[in-house]
Amino acid sequence: MSRVGPKPKRVWQRMLSGRRLDLLDPSPLDVEIEDIAHGLARVARWNGQTRGDHAFSVAQHSLIVEAIVARGESDPRWRLAALLHDGPEYVIGDMISPFKSVMGGDYKLVEKRLQAAVHLRFGLPARLPAPVEKAIKTADRISAYFEATLLAGFEAHEAAAFFGKPGAARLDAEDFTPVATAATEAAFLKRFAELDGAVAAPTAAVGKAARRG
């Protein structure tokens, strides 16, 4: 009589595109921007504990972070990296910081592998240069401060204690008005197309010049 072993654990997620992304060994070939935009537009920041008729999504947050980074960064590669800085969350969701602290290193390892796969899929280095990473982190904290005070019920001093003061950063409160899912998804895809095209343009120009030569 044959013995049936334990049922194998599923460590992949099926996307609407049909891709199956392995969480432990994610392949860049299984990453699609449509899946990312669709997922991030439906993942709520602050576990949904925000004001407004709609959830404030990770996609909307990502657009704001990219806009902040763009103020001091002209290279489209690093602006694209800013747009995709929360890319793994289309697979694993937006875990609030207190929960990440409880989870510890295993969560961060999965997150880093997914982020590397996202970067490689779109022509970015698996690991960003330290100054770029710092600029994105700073923009992320600035956005978090305004989200906390405008949407999540934090007092200014409380938000400053957790995320730092935004300094001279001036953002339009309108940008933090939660937007409907479909509109956010479309805006994210539009911005991605613009940045991805800008990243590809120099490479195409070099190739064209080489053919002429």
C-alpha atoms as a PDB file:
ATOM      1  CA  MET A   1       0.000   0.000   0.000  1.00  0.00           C
ATOM      2  CA  SER A   2       1.516   3.295  -1.087  1.00  0.00           C
ATOM      3  CA  ARG A   3       1.805   6.096   1.403  1.00  0.00           C
ATOM      4  CA  VAL A   4       0.655   9.552   0.510  1.00  0.00           C
ATOM      5  CA  GLY A   5       3.064  12.218   1.695  1.00  0.00           C
ATOM      6  CA  PRO A   6       2.123  15.613   3.107  1.00  0.00           C
ATOM      7  CA  LYS A   7       0.455  17.970   0.698  1.00  0.00           C
ATOM      8  CA  PRO A   8       3.103  20.285  -0.788  1.00  0.00           C
ATOM      9  CA  LYS A   9       2.894  23.894   0.314  1.00  0.00           C
ATOM     10  CA  ARG A  10       2.059  26.484  -2.333  1.00  0.00           C
ATOM     11  CA  VAL A  11       4.582  29.310  -2.288  1.00  0.00           C
ATOM     12  CA  TRP A  12       3.462  31.061  -5.460  1.00  0.00           C
ATOM     13  CA  GLN A  13       0.670  33.467  -6.252  1.00  0.00           C
ATOM     14  CA  ARG A  14      -1.294  33.340  -9.480  1.00  0.00           C
ATOM     15  CA  MET A  15      -1.752  36.725 -11.111  1.00  0.00           C
ATOM     16  CA  LEU A  16      -4.595  37.826 -13.357  1.00  0.00           C
ATOM     17  CA  SER A  17      -2.098  37.857 -16.223  1.00  0.00           C
ATOM     18  CA  GLY A  18      -1.718  34.106 -15.704  1.00  0.00           C
ATOM     19  CA  ARG A  19       1.784  34.422 -14.258  1.00  0.00           C
ATOM     20  CA  ARG A  20       2.678  32.404 -11.183  1.00  0.00           C
ATOM     21  CA  LEU A  21       5.155  34.290  -9.040  1.00  0.00           C
ATOM     22  CA  ASP A  22       7.210  32.211  -6.618  1.00  0.00           C
ATOM     23  CA  LEU A  23       7.628  34.098  -3.346  1.00  0.00           C
ATOM     24  CA  LEU A  24      10.799  32.259  -2.334  1.00  0.00           C
ATOM     25  CA  ASP A  25      12.531  32.386  -5.726  1.00  0.00           C
ATOM     26  CA  PRO A  26      10.773  35.089  -7.770  1.00  0.00           C
ATOM     27  CA  SER A  27      11.717  35.273 -11.433  1.00  0.00           C
ATOM     28  CA  PRO A  28      11.761  38.638 -13.216  1.00  0.00           C
ATOM     29  CA  LEU A  29      10.117  36.842 -16.147  1.00  0.00           C
ATOM     30  CA  ASP A  30       6.988  36.370 -14.038  1.00  0.00           C
ATOM     31  CA  VAL A  31       6.674  40.070 -13.186  1.00  0.00           C
ATOM     32  CA  GLU A  32       4.224  42.136 -15.262  1.00  0.00           C
ATOM     33  CA  ILE A  33       3.552  45.846 -14.783  1.00  0.00           C
ATOM     34  CA  GLU A  34      -0.189  45.318 -15.294  1.00  0.00           C
ATOM     35  CA  ASP A  35      -0.231  42.925 -12.333  1.00  0.00           C
ATOM     36  CA  ILE A  36       1.719  45.398 -10.212  1.00  0.00           C
ATOM     37  CA  ALA A  37      -0.559  48.329 -11.055  1.00  0.00           C
ATOM     38  CA  HIS A  38      -3.692  46.243 -10.536  1.00  0.00           C
ATOM     39  CA  GLY A  39      -2.511  44.962  -7.172  1.00  0.00           C
ATOM     40  CA  LEU A  40      -1.066  48.198  -5.764  1.00  0.00           C
ATOM     41  CA  ALA A  41      -4.208  50.139  -6.698  1.00  0.00           C
ATOM     42  CA  ARG A  42      -6.155  47.721  -4.497  1.00  0.00           C
ATOM     43  CA  VAL A  43      -3.783  47.565  -1.525  1.00  0.00           C
ATOM     44  CA  ALA A  44      -4.720  50.087   1.163  1.00  0.00           C
ATOM     45  CA  ARG A  45      -2.143  52.069   3.076  1.00  0.00           C
ATOM     46  CA  TRP A  46      -2.599  52.244   6.869  1.00  0.00           C
ATOM     47  CA  ASN A  47      -4.655  49.037   6.794  1.00  0.00           C
ATOM     48  CA  GLY A  48      -7.486  51.121   5.377  1.00  0.00           C
ATOM     49  CA  GLN A  49      -7.714  53.306   8.495  1.00  0.00           C
ATOM     50  CA  THR A  50      -7.889  56.525   6.497  1.00  0.00           C
ATOM     51  CA  ARG A  51     -10.436  59.238   5.802  1.00  0.00           C
ATOM     52  CA  GLY A  52     -12.260  59.492   2.507  1.00  0.00           C
ATOM     53  CA  ASP A  53     -14.689  57.639   0.298  1.00  0.00           C
ATOM     54  CA  HIS A  54     -11.933  55.391  -1.066  1.00  0.00           C
ATOM     55  CA  ALA A  55      -8.927  53.627   0.387  1.00  0.00           C
ATOM     56  CA  PHE A  56      -5.642  55.492   0.011  1.00  0.00           C
ATOM     57  CA  SER A  57      -3.762  52.952  -2.075  1.00  0.00           C
ATOM     58  CA  VAL A  58      -0.113  52.009  -2.350  1.00  0.00           C
ATOM     59  CA  ALA A  59      -0.299  52.970  -6.037  1.00  0.00           C
ATOM     60  CA  GLN A  60      -1.364  56.518  -5.154  1.00  0.00           C
ATOM     61  CA  HIS A  61       1.361  56.701  -2.503  1.00  0.00           C
ATOM     62  CA  SER A  62       3.917  55.506  -5.075  1.00  0.00           C
ATOM     63  CA  LEU A  63       2.940  58.248  -7.508  1.00  0.00           C
ATOM     64  CA  ILE A  64       3.473  60.852  -4.788  1.00  0.00           C
ATOM     65  CA  VAL A  65       6.856  59.425  -3.800  1.00  0.00           C
ATOM     66  CA  GLU A  66       7.998  59.474  -7.433  1.00  0.00           C
ATOM     67  CA  ALA A  67       6.883  63.097  -7.787  1.00  0.00           C
ATOM     68  CA  ILE A  68       8.891  64.078  -4.683  1.00  0.00           C
ATOM     69  CA  VAL A  69      12.001  62.250  -5.912  1.00  0.00           C
ATOM     70  CA  ALA A  70      11.623  63.873  -9.355  1.00  0.00           C
ATOM     71  CA  ARG A  71      12.138  67.316  -7.799  1.00  0.00           C
ATOM     72  CA  GLY A  72      15.805  66.532  -7.239  1.00  0.00           C
ATOM     73  CA  GLU A  73      16.433  63.675  -9.669  1.00  0.00           C
ATOM     74  CA  SER A  74      16.517  63.944 -13.463  1.00  0.00           C
ATOM     75  CA  ASP A  75      17.601  60.368 -14.237  1.00  0.00           C
ATOM     76  CA  PRO A  76      14.466  58.450 -15.297  1.00  0.00           C
ATOM     77  CA  ARG A  77      15.927  55.182 -13.987  1.00  0.00           C
ATOM     78  CA  TRP A  78      15.866  56.376 -10.413  1.00  0.00           C
ATOM     79  CA  ARG A  79      12.459  58.003 -10.809  1.00  0.00           C
ATOM     80  CA  LEU A  80      11.183  54.671 -12.124  1.00  0.00           C
ATOM     81  CA  ALA A  81      12.752  53.001  -9.079  1.00  0.00           C
ATOM     82  CA  ALA A  82      10.841  55.472  -6.886  1.00  0.00           C
ATOM     83  CA  LEU A  83       7.565  54.589  -8.607  1.00  0.00           C
ATOM     84  CA  LEU A  84       8.285  50.895  -8.015  1.00  0.00           C
ATOM     85  CA  HIS A  85       9.695  51.258  -4.500  1.00  0.00           C
ATOM     86  CA  ASP A  86       6.757  49.373  -2.976  1.00  0.00           C
ATOM     87  CA  GLY A  87       6.518  46.903  -5.842  1.00  0.00           C
ATOM     88  CA  PRO A  88       6.616  43.772  -3.640  1.00  0.00           C
ATOM     89  CA  GLU A  89       3.384  44.843  -1.991  1.00  0.00           C
ATOM     90  CA  TYR A  90       1.377  43.780  -5.041  1.00  0.00           C
ATOM     91  CA  VAL A  91       2.192  40.257  -3.854  1.00  0.00           C
ATOM     92  CA  ILE A  92       2.500  40.482  -0.076  1.00  0.00           C
ATOM     93  CA  GLY A  93       0.328  43.496   0.729  1.00  0.00           C
ATOM     94  CA  ASP A  94       1.232  46.589   2.716  1.00  0.00           C
ATOM     95  CA  MET A  95       2.241  45.372   6.148  1.00  0.00           C
ATOM     96  CA  ILE A  96       2.144  48.201   8.667  1.00  0.00           C
ATOM     97  CA  SER A  97       5.489  48.976  10.324  1.00  0.00           C
ATOM     98  CA  PRO A  98       4.554  47.547  13.756  1.00  0.00           C
ATOM     99  CA  PHE A  99       3.709  44.202  12.161  1.00  0.00           C
ATOM    100  CA  LYS A 100       6.967  44.188  10.187  1.00  0.00           C
ATOM    101  CA  SER A 101       8.813  44.614  13.472  1.00  0.00           C
ATOM    102  CA  VAL A 102       7.000  41.601  14.904  1.00  0.00           C
ATOM    103  CA  MET A 103       7.695  39.471  11.807  1.00  0.00           C
ATOM    104  CA  GLY A 104      11.405  40.231  11.791  1.00  0.00           C
ATOM    105  CA  GLY A 105      13.999  39.120   9.241  1.00  0.00           C
ATOM    106  CA  ASP A 106      12.048  36.510   7.265  1.00  0.00           C
ATOM    107  CA  TYR A 107       9.595  39.107   5.990  1.00  0.00           C
ATOM    108  CA  LYS A 108      12.390  41.447   4.910  1.00  0.00           C
ATOM    109  CA  LEU A 109      14.164  38.637   3.051  1.00  0.00           C
ATOM    110  CA  VAL A 110      11.062  37.826   0.991  1.00  0.00           C
ATOM    111  CA  GLU A 111      10.485  41.525   0.349  1.00  0.00           C
ATOM    112  CA  LYS A 112      14.066  42.057  -0.861  1.00  0.00           C
ATOM    113  CA  ARG A 113      13.904  39.105  -3.255  1.00  0.00           C
ATOM    114  CA  LEU A 114      10.663  40.375  -4.739  1.00  0.00           C
ATOM    115  CA  GLN A 115      12.037  43.909  -5.065  1.00  0.00           C
ATOM    116  CA  ALA A 116      15.129  42.614  -6.864  1.00  0.00           C
ATOM    117  CA  ALA A 117      12.930  40.675  -9.315  1.00  0.00           C
ATOM    118  CA  VAL A 118      10.836  43.794  -9.992  1.00  0.00           C
ATOM    119  CA  HIS A 119      13.958  45.885 -10.603  1.00  0.00           C
ATOM    120  CA  LEU A 120      15.551  43.363 -12.937  1.00  0.00           C
ATOM    121  CA  ARG A 121      12.329  42.954 -14.911  1.00  0.00           C
ATOM    122  CA  PHE A 122      12.360  46.656 -15.801  1.00  0.00           C
ATOM    123  CA  GLY A 123      16.071  47.152 -16.403  1.00  0.00           C
ATOM    124  CA  LEU A 124      17.039  48.508 -12.996  1.00  0.00           C
ATOM    125  CA  PRO A 125      19.862  47.159 -10.824  1.00  0.00           C
ATOM    126  CA  ALA A 126      18.762  44.609  -8.245  1.00  0.00           C
ATOM    127  CA  ARG A 127      20.245  46.879  -5.598  1.00  0.00           C
ATOM    128  CA  LEU A 128      20.020  50.626  -6.007  1.00  0.00           C
ATOM    129  CA  PRO A 129      22.941  53.006  -5.394  1.00  0.00           C
ATOM    130  CA  ALA A 130      22.971  54.170  -1.779  1.00  0.00           C
ATOM    131  CA  PRO A 131      22.216  57.862  -2.578  1.00  0.00           C
ATOM    132  CA  VAL A 132      19.207  56.846  -4.694  1.00  0.00           C
ATOM    133  CA  GLU A 133      17.929  54.511  -1.998  1.00  0.00           C
ATOM    134  CA  LYS A 134      18.298  57.315   0.559  1.00  0.00           C
ATOM    135  CA  ALA A 135      16.419  59.812  -1.644  1.00  0.00           C
ATOM    136  CA  ILE A 136      13.546  57.372  -2.125  1.00  0.00           C
ATOM    137  CA  LYS A 137      13.412  56.602   1.586  1.00  0.00           C
ATOM    138  CA  THR A 138      13.314  60.310   2.392  1.00  0.00           C
ATOM    139  CA  ALA A 139      10.463  60.850  -0.075  1.00  0.00           C
ATOM    140  CA  ASP A 140       8.663  57.836   1.372  1.00  0.00           C
ATOM    141  CA  ARG A 141       8.847  59.326   4.871  1.00  0.00           C
ATOM    142  CA  ILE A 142       7.675  62.750   3.657  1.00  0.00           C
ATOM    143  CA  SER A 143       4.653  61.157   2.030  1.00  0.00           C
ATOM    144  CA  ALA A 144       3.999  59.076   5.146  1.00  0.00           C
ATOM    145  CA  TYR A 145       4.053  62.219   7.311  1.00  0.00           C
ATOM    146  CA  PHE A 146       1.394  63.930   5.204  1.00  0.00           C
ATOM    147  CA  GLU A 147      -0.676  60.755   4.907  1.00  0.00           C
ATOM    148  CA  ALA A 148      -0.541  60.359   8.684  1.00  0.00           C
ATOM    149  CA  THR A 149      -1.673  63.913   9.400  1.00  0.00           C
ATOM    150  CA  LEU A 150      -4.130  64.396   6.524  1.00  0.00           C
ATOM    151  CA  LEU A 151      -5.679  60.942   6.377  1.00  0.00           C
ATOM    152  CA  ALA A 152      -4.818  58.701   9.319  1.00  0.00           C
ATOM    153  CA  GLY A 153      -5.657  60.908  12.291  1.00  0.00           C
ATOM    154  CA  PHE A 154      -2.114  61.552  13.596  1.00  0.00           C
ATOM    155  CA  GLU A 155      -1.254  64.796  15.332  1.00  0.00           C
ATOM    156  CA  ALA A 156       1.647  66.667  13.703  1.00  0.00           C
ATOM    157  CA  HIS A 157       4.027  66.041  16.628  1.00  0.00           C
ATOM    158  CA  GLU A 158       3.157  62.342  16.639  1.00  0.00           C
ATOM    159  CA  ALA A 159       3.738  61.974  12.898  1.00  0.00           C
ATOM    160  CA  ALA A 160       7.034  63.866  13.200  1.00  0.00           C
ATOM    161  CA  ALA A 161       8.190  61.473  15.937  1.00  0.00           C
ATOM    162  CA  PHE A 162       7.639  58.427  13.715  1.00  0.00           C
ATOM    163  CA  PHE A 163       8.419  59.752  10.235  1.00  0.00           C
ATOM    164  CA  GLY A 164      10.460  62.879  10.809  1.00  0.00           C
ATOM    165  CA  LYS A 165       9.472  66.436   9.994  1.00  0.00           C
ATOM    166  CA  PRO A 166       8.892  67.085   6.289  1.00  0.00           C
ATOM    167  CA  GLY A 167      11.175  70.109   6.405  1.00  0.00           C
ATOM    168  CA  ALA A 168      10.660  72.538   3.546  1.00  0.00           C
ATOM    169  CA  ALA A 169       8.701  69.996   1.498  1.00  0.00           C
ATOM    170  CA  ARG A 170       5.464  71.509   0.279  1.00  0.00           C
ATOM    171  CA  LEU A 171       2.843  69.169  -1.103  1.00  0.00           C
ATOM    172  CA  ASP A 172      -0.651  69.850  -2.332  1.00  0.00           C
ATOM    173  CA  ALA A 173      -3.222  68.378   0.042  1.00  0.00           C
ATOM    174  CA  GLU A 174      -5.304  67.546  -3.034  1.00  0.00           C
ATOM    175  CA  ASP A 175      -2.732  64.912  -3.970  1.00  0.00           C
ATOM    176  CA  PHE A 176      -3.670  63.010  -0.817  1.00  0.00           C
ATOM    177  CA  THR A 177      -7.376  62.833  -1.573  1.00  0.00           C
ATOM    178  CA  PRO A 178      -8.020  59.082  -1.976  1.00  0.00           C
ATOM    179  CA  VAL A 179      -8.866  58.235  -5.570  1.00  0.00           C
ATOM    180  CA  ALA A 180     -11.015  55.434  -6.971  1.00  0.00           C
ATOM    181  CA  THR A 181      -9.181  52.203  -7.763  1.00  0.00           C
ATOM    182  CA  ALA A 182      -9.557  52.259 -11.555  1.00  0.00           C
ATOM    183  CA  ALA A 183      -8.345  55.857 -11.820  1.00  0.00           C
ATOM    184  CA  THR A 184      -5.292  55.172  -9.644  1.00  0.00           C
ATOM    185  CA  GLU A 185      -4.417  52.052 -11.610  1.00  0.00           C
ATOM    186  CA  ALA A 186      -4.628  53.991 -14.876  1.00  0.00           C
ATOM    187  CA  ALA A 187      -2.496  56.849 -13.502  1.00  0.00           C
ATOM    188  CA  PHE A 188       0.133  54.413 -12.276  1.00  0.00           C
ATOM    189  CA  LEU A 189       0.330  52.662 -15.656  1.00  0.00           C
ATOM    190  CA  LYS A 190       0.516  56.003 -17.476  1.00  0.00           C
ATOM    191  CA  ARG A 191       3.387  57.225 -15.308  1.00  0.00           C
ATOM    192  CA  PHE A 192       5.185  53.918 -15.674  1.00  0.00           C
ATOM    193  CA  ALA A 193       4.924  54.110 -19.476  1.00  0.00           C
ATOM    194  CA  GLU A 194       6.373  57.645 -19.446  1.00  0.00           C
ATOM    195  CA  LEU A 195       9.322  56.718 -17.245  1.00  0.00           C
ATOM    196  CA  ASP A 196       9.963  53.377 -18.911  1.00  0.00           C
ATOM    197  CA  GLY A 197      10.002  55.117 -22.288  1.00  0.00           C
ATOM    198  CA  ALA A 198      12.459  57.712 -20.984  1.00  0.00           C
ATOM    199  CA  VAL A 199      14.722  54.968 -19.638  1.00  0.00           C
ATOM    200  CA  ALA A 200      14.658  53.128 -22.964  1.00  0.00           C
ATOM    201  CA  ALA A 201      15.236  56.253 -25.092  1.00  0.00           C
ATOM    202  CA  PRO A 202      19.012  56.671 -24.466  1.00  0.00           C
ATOM    203  CA  THR A 203      19.619  52.975 -25.134  1.00  0.00           C
ATOM    204  CA  ALA A 204      17.683  53.179 -28.386  1.00  0.00           C
ATOM    205  CA  ALA A 205      19.617  56.302 -29.394  1.00  0.00           C
ATOM    206  CA  VAL A 206      22.954  54.575 -28.742  1.00  0.00           C
ATOM    207  CA  GLY A 207      21.892  51.565 -30.806  1.00  0.00           C
ATOM    208  CA  LYS A 208      20.759  53.805 -33.669  1.00  0.00           C
ATOM    209  CA  ALA A 209      24.041  55.723 -33.627  1.00  0.00           C
ATOM    210  CA  ALA A 210      26.008  52.462 -33.650  1.00  0.00           C
ATOM    211  CA  ARG A 211      24.094  51.237 -36.718  1.00  0.00           C
ATOM    212  CA  ARG A 212      24.847  54.500 -38.520  1.00  0.00           C
ATOM    213  CA  GLY A 213      28.527  54.155 -37.686  1.00  0.00           C
END
